[in-house]
Amino acid sequence: MVQLILYGAIGQTYDQNTQIYIQSSHVNFITPRSQPTIVLQGGQDFVVSPSQSNFLINKLNSENVPNQFVFYMEDGHGFFATNYLDAYNKIEEFIKLHVK
């Protein structure tokens, strides 16, 4: 599904224009000076797979960028109302810790 969405936006497949896909990925621009990042991921997300969030977190860690990964096993691309408060509280704490 993601490949179809990207093809619709870019008009070419990865094989047809690898460079534009590389230039479009935020992961390729992470440096030690990147901003602290919190990632909230649903285990049932079919738009952004958990593997993509893991890839992002690994890259942030490799560049020593402060980060937090929050995983909601039963949620998809968006969160159930039961997790709204938890997500909000985690974001609020992350901001308090990292935004001066």
N, C-alpha and C. Protein backbone atom coordinates (compact mmCIF):
# COMPACT_ATOMS: atom_id res chain seq x y z
N MET A 1 0.82 -1.20 0.00
CA MET A 1 0.00 0.00 0.00
C MET A 1 0.87 1.26 0.00
N VAL A 2 1.92 1.26 0.82
CA VAL A 2 2.79 2.43 0.90
C VAL A 2 3.45 2.70 -0.44
N GLN A 3 3.91 1.64 -1.12
CA GLN A 3 4.54 1.82 -2.42
C GLN A 3 3.58 2.46 -3.41
N LEU A 4 2.31 2.09 -3.34
CA LEU A 4 1.31 2.68 -4.23
C LEU A 4 1.11 4.16 -3.93
N ILE A 5 1.08 4.51 -2.67
CA ILE A 5 0.94 5.92 -2.28
C ILE A 5 2.15 6.72 -2.75
N LEU A 6 3.34 6.18 -2.51
CA LEU A 6 4.55 6.87 -2.95
C LEU A 6 4.60 7.01 -4.47
N TYR A 7 4.20 5.95 -5.17
CA TYR A 7 4.17 6.03 -6.63
C TYR A 7 3.21 7.13 -7.08
N GLY A 8 2.06 7.23 -6.42
CA GLY A 8 1.10 8.28 -6.76
C GLY A 8 1.66 9.68 -6.54
N ALA A 9 2.47 9.84 -5.51
CA ALA A 9 3.05 11.15 -5.20
C ALA A 9 4.25 11.47 -6.08
N ILE A 10 5.07 10.47 -6.35
CA ILE A 10 6.33 10.69 -7.06
C ILE A 10 6.20 10.42 -8.55
N GLY A 11 5.34 9.48 -8.93
CA GLY A 11 5.14 9.17 -10.34
C GLY A 11 6.13 8.17 -10.90
N GLN A 12 6.98 7.63 -10.03
CA GLN A 12 7.96 6.64 -10.45
C GLN A 12 8.14 5.63 -9.33
N THR A 13 8.56 4.44 -9.69
CA THR A 13 8.84 3.42 -8.69
C THR A 13 10.26 3.63 -8.14
N TYR A 14 10.56 2.92 -7.06
CA TYR A 14 11.90 2.97 -6.48
C TYR A 14 12.95 2.58 -7.51
N ASP A 15 12.67 1.55 -8.28
CA ASP A 15 13.62 1.10 -9.30
C ASP A 15 13.81 2.13 -10.42
N GLN A 16 12.78 2.89 -10.70
CA GLN A 16 12.86 3.89 -11.77
C GLN A 16 13.62 5.14 -11.33
N ASN A 17 13.54 5.49 -10.04
CA ASN A 17 14.18 6.70 -9.56
C ASN A 17 14.58 6.53 -8.09
N THR A 18 15.59 5.74 -7.87
CA THR A 18 16.05 5.45 -6.51
C THR A 18 16.42 6.72 -5.76
N GLN A 19 17.06 7.64 -6.43
CA GLN A 19 17.56 8.86 -5.78
C GLN A 19 16.44 9.69 -5.15
N ILE A 20 15.31 9.82 -5.82
CA ILE A 20 14.23 10.62 -5.25
C ILE A 20 13.65 9.96 -4.00
N TYR A 21 13.64 8.65 -3.96
CA TYR A 21 13.18 7.95 -2.76
C TYR A 21 14.16 8.17 -1.61
N ILE A 22 15.45 8.11 -1.90
CA ILE A 22 16.47 8.35 -0.88
C ILE A 22 16.36 9.78 -0.36
N GLN A 23 16.19 10.73 -1.25
CA GLN A 23 16.08 12.14 -0.86
C GLN A 23 14.78 12.44 -0.12
N SER A 24 13.79 11.58 -0.26
CA SER A 24 12.49 11.79 0.38
C SER A 24 12.41 11.17 1.78
N SER A 25 13.40 10.42 2.19
CA SER A 25 13.36 9.73 3.47
C SER A 25 14.09 10.53 4.54
N HIS A 26 13.35 10.90 5.58
CA HIS A 26 13.92 11.67 6.68
C HIS A 26 15.08 10.93 7.36
N VAL A 27 15.07 9.63 7.33
CA VAL A 27 16.12 8.83 7.99
C VAL A 27 17.49 9.16 7.41
N ASN A 28 17.55 9.51 6.15
CA ASN A 28 18.82 9.80 5.50
C ASN A 28 19.40 11.16 5.85
N PHE A 29 18.68 11.93 6.66
CA PHE A 29 19.15 13.26 7.03
C PHE A 29 19.37 13.41 8.53
N ILE A 30 19.33 12.31 9.26
CA ILE A 30 19.56 12.35 10.70
C ILE A 30 21.06 12.50 10.96
N THR A 31 21.38 13.46 11.82
CA THR A 31 22.76 13.70 12.23
C THR A 31 22.78 13.85 13.75
N PRO A 32 23.95 13.93 14.34
CA PRO A 32 24.01 14.16 15.79
C PRO A 32 23.34 15.47 16.23
N ARG A 33 23.13 16.38 15.31
CA ARG A 33 22.48 17.66 15.62
C ARG A 33 20.96 17.63 15.43
N SER A 34 20.42 16.49 15.04
CA SER A 34 18.97 16.36 14.86
C SER A 34 18.25 16.56 16.19
N GLN A 35 17.02 16.99 16.09
CA GLN A 35 16.23 17.27 17.28
C GLN A 35 15.80 15.98 17.99
N PRO A 36 15.65 16.04 19.32
CA PRO A 36 15.09 14.89 20.04
C PRO A 36 13.76 14.48 19.41
N THR A 37 13.52 13.20 19.38
CA THR A 37 12.38 12.66 18.64
C THR A 37 11.64 11.62 19.46
N ILE A 38 10.32 11.75 19.52
CA ILE A 38 9.48 10.73 20.12
C ILE A 38 8.68 10.07 19.00
N VAL A 39 8.62 8.75 19.03
CA VAL A 39 7.89 7.98 18.03
C VAL A 39 6.81 7.20 18.74
N LEU A 40 5.57 7.37 18.30
CA LEU A 40 4.45 6.59 18.81
C LEU A 40 4.00 5.67 17.68
N GLN A 41 4.02 4.37 17.93
CA GLN A 41 3.78 3.39 16.87
C GLN A 41 2.69 2.41 17.27
N GLY A 42 1.76 2.19 16.36
CA GLY A 42 0.75 1.16 16.56
C GLY A 42 1.23 -0.16 16.00
N GLY A 43 1.02 -1.23 16.74
CA GLY A 43 1.43 -2.55 16.30
C GLY A 43 0.64 -3.07 15.11
N GLN A 44 -0.55 -2.50 14.88
CA GLN A 44 -1.39 -2.92 13.77
C GLN A 44 -1.44 -1.86 12.66
N ASP A 45 -0.42 -0.99 12.63
CA ASP A 45 -0.36 0.08 11.64
C ASP A 45 0.04 -0.50 10.29
N PHE A 46 -0.83 -0.35 9.29
CA PHE A 46 -0.54 -0.84 7.95
C PHE A 46 -0.08 0.28 7.02
N VAL A 47 -0.05 1.52 7.54
CA VAL A 47 0.46 2.64 6.75
C VAL A 47 1.96 2.80 7.01
N VAL A 48 2.33 2.85 8.28
CA VAL A 48 3.74 2.92 8.68
C VAL A 48 4.01 1.67 9.51
N SER A 49 4.74 0.75 8.94
CA SER A 49 4.97 -0.52 9.63
C SER A 49 5.90 -0.30 10.82
N PRO A 50 5.73 -1.12 11.85
CA PRO A 50 6.63 -1.01 13.00
C PRO A 50 8.11 -1.13 12.63
N SER A 51 8.41 -1.86 11.57
CA SER A 51 9.82 -1.99 11.16
C SER A 51 10.39 -0.63 10.75
N GLN A 52 9.57 0.23 10.17
CA GLN A 52 10.05 1.56 9.79
C GLN A 52 10.38 2.41 11.02
N SER A 53 9.54 2.30 12.04
CA SER A 53 9.82 3.03 13.28
C SER A 53 11.08 2.48 13.95
N ASN A 54 11.25 1.17 13.92
CA ASN A 54 12.47 0.58 14.48
C ASN A 54 13.71 1.06 13.72
N PHE A 55 13.58 1.16 12.41
CA PHE A 55 14.69 1.65 11.59
C PHE A 55 15.04 3.09 11.98
N LEU A 56 14.01 3.91 12.18
CA LEU A 56 14.21 5.30 12.59
C LEU A 56 14.88 5.38 13.95
N ILE A 57 14.39 4.62 14.91
CA ILE A 57 14.96 4.63 16.25
C ILE A 57 16.42 4.16 16.22
N ASN A 58 16.71 3.14 15.46
CA ASN A 58 18.09 2.66 15.34
C ASN A 58 19.01 3.73 14.78
N LYS A 59 18.52 4.46 13.78
CA LYS A 59 19.32 5.54 13.19
C LYS A 59 19.52 6.67 14.20
N LEU A 60 18.47 7.04 14.92
CA LEU A 60 18.59 8.07 15.95
C LEU A 60 19.61 7.64 17.01
N ASN A 61 19.53 6.39 17.43
CA ASN A 61 20.48 5.88 18.43
C ASN A 61 21.91 5.89 17.91
N SER A 62 22.09 5.53 16.64
CA SER A 62 23.43 5.49 16.07
C SER A 62 24.05 6.88 15.99
N GLU A 63 23.22 7.90 15.95
CA GLU A 63 23.70 9.29 15.89
C GLU A 63 23.62 9.97 17.26
N ASN A 64 23.29 9.19 18.29
CA ASN A 64 23.18 9.71 19.66
C ASN A 64 22.16 10.83 19.81
N VAL A 65 21.07 10.72 19.08
CA VAL A 65 19.98 11.70 19.18
C VAL A 65 19.01 11.20 20.25
N PRO A 66 18.71 12.03 21.25
CA PRO A 66 17.75 11.61 22.27
C PRO A 66 16.42 11.23 21.63
N ASN A 67 15.87 10.10 22.07
CA ASN A 67 14.62 9.64 21.48
C ASN A 67 13.88 8.74 22.46
N GLN A 68 12.61 8.56 22.15
CA GLN A 68 11.78 7.64 22.92
C GLN A 68 10.86 6.92 21.94
N PHE A 69 10.70 5.63 22.14
CA PHE A 69 9.82 4.82 21.30
C PHE A 69 8.68 4.30 22.17
N VAL A 70 7.45 4.61 21.76
CA VAL A 70 6.25 4.17 22.47
C VAL A 70 5.47 3.26 21.53
N PHE A 71 5.19 2.05 21.98
CA PHE A 71 4.55 1.06 21.13
C PHE A 71 3.20 0.66 21.72
N TYR A 72 2.14 0.82 20.92
CA TYR A 72 0.79 0.41 21.30
C TYR A 72 0.42 -0.80 20.44
N MET A 73 0.55 -1.96 21.02
CA MET A 73 0.42 -3.23 20.30
C MET A 73 -0.88 -3.35 19.50
N GLU A 74 -1.99 -2.95 20.07
CA GLU A 74 -3.30 -3.18 19.44
C GLU A 74 -3.75 -2.03 18.53
N ASP A 75 -3.02 -0.94 18.50
CA ASP A 75 -3.46 0.22 17.73
C ASP A 75 -2.93 0.19 16.31
N GLY A 76 -3.61 0.93 15.45
CA GLY A 76 -3.19 1.06 14.06
C GLY A 76 -2.55 2.40 13.81
N HIS A 77 -2.87 3.01 12.68
CA HIS A 77 -2.35 4.33 12.32
C HIS A 77 -3.28 5.36 12.96
N GLY A 78 -3.03 5.63 14.21
CA GLY A 78 -3.91 6.39 15.09
C GLY A 78 -4.11 5.53 16.32
N PHE A 79 -4.65 6.10 17.33
CA PHE A 79 -4.71 5.36 18.59
C PHE A 79 -6.14 5.26 19.10
N PHE A 80 -6.41 4.17 19.80
CA PHE A 80 -7.70 4.00 20.45
C PHE A 80 -7.84 5.04 21.56
N ALA A 81 -9.05 5.42 21.84
CA ALA A 81 -9.31 6.42 22.88
C ALA A 81 -8.67 6.02 24.21
N THR A 82 -8.58 4.73 24.46
CA THR A 82 -7.99 4.27 25.73
C THR A 82 -6.51 4.64 25.83
N ASN A 83 -5.85 4.91 24.71
CA ASN A 83 -4.43 5.26 24.74
C ASN A 83 -4.15 6.74 24.53
N TYR A 84 -5.19 7.54 24.28
CA TYR A 84 -4.98 8.97 24.06
C TYR A 84 -4.28 9.63 25.24
N LEU A 85 -4.77 9.39 26.43
CA LEU A 85 -4.20 10.04 27.61
C LEU A 85 -2.76 9.58 27.82
N ASP A 86 -2.51 8.30 27.66
CA ASP A 86 -1.15 7.80 27.81
C ASP A 86 -0.22 8.46 26.80
N ALA A 87 -0.64 8.51 25.55
CA ALA A 87 0.18 9.13 24.50
C ALA A 87 0.42 10.60 24.81
N TYR A 88 -0.62 11.31 25.19
CA TYR A 88 -0.49 12.73 25.53
C TYR A 88 0.51 12.92 26.67
N ASN A 89 0.39 12.11 27.72
CA ASN A 89 1.28 12.24 28.86
C ASN A 89 2.73 11.94 28.48
N LYS A 90 2.94 10.95 27.65
CA LYS A 90 4.31 10.63 27.21
C LYS A 90 4.90 11.76 26.36
N ILE A 91 4.09 12.33 25.50
CA ILE A 91 4.55 13.46 24.68
C ILE A 91 4.87 14.66 25.57
N GLU A 92 3.99 14.95 26.50
CA GLU A 92 4.20 16.08 27.40
C GLU A 92 5.50 15.92 28.20
N GLU A 93 5.73 14.75 28.74
CA GLU A 93 6.96 14.50 29.50
C GLU A 93 8.20 14.60 28.61
N PHE A 94 8.10 14.09 27.40
CA PHE A 94 9.22 14.16 26.47
C PHE A 94 9.55 15.62 26.15
N ILE A 95 8.55 16.42 25.91
CA ILE A 95 8.77 17.84 25.62
C ILE A 95 9.38 18.55 26.82
N LYS A 96 8.86 18.29 28.00
CA LYS A 96 9.42 18.91 29.21
C LYS A 96 10.89 18.55 29.38
N LEU A 97 11.25 17.35 29.05
CA LEU A 97 12.61 16.88 29.21
C LEU A 97 13.57 17.46 28.16
N HIS A 98 13.07 17.62 26.93
CA HIS A 98 13.97 17.95 25.83
C HIS A 98 13.84 19.35 25.23
N VAL A 99 12.78 20.06 25.54
CA VAL A 99 12.61 21.40 24.98
C VAL A 99 12.92 22.43 26.05
N LYS A 100 13.90 23.23 25.78
CA LYS A 100 14.34 24.25 26.75
C LYS A 100 13.91 25.62 26.32
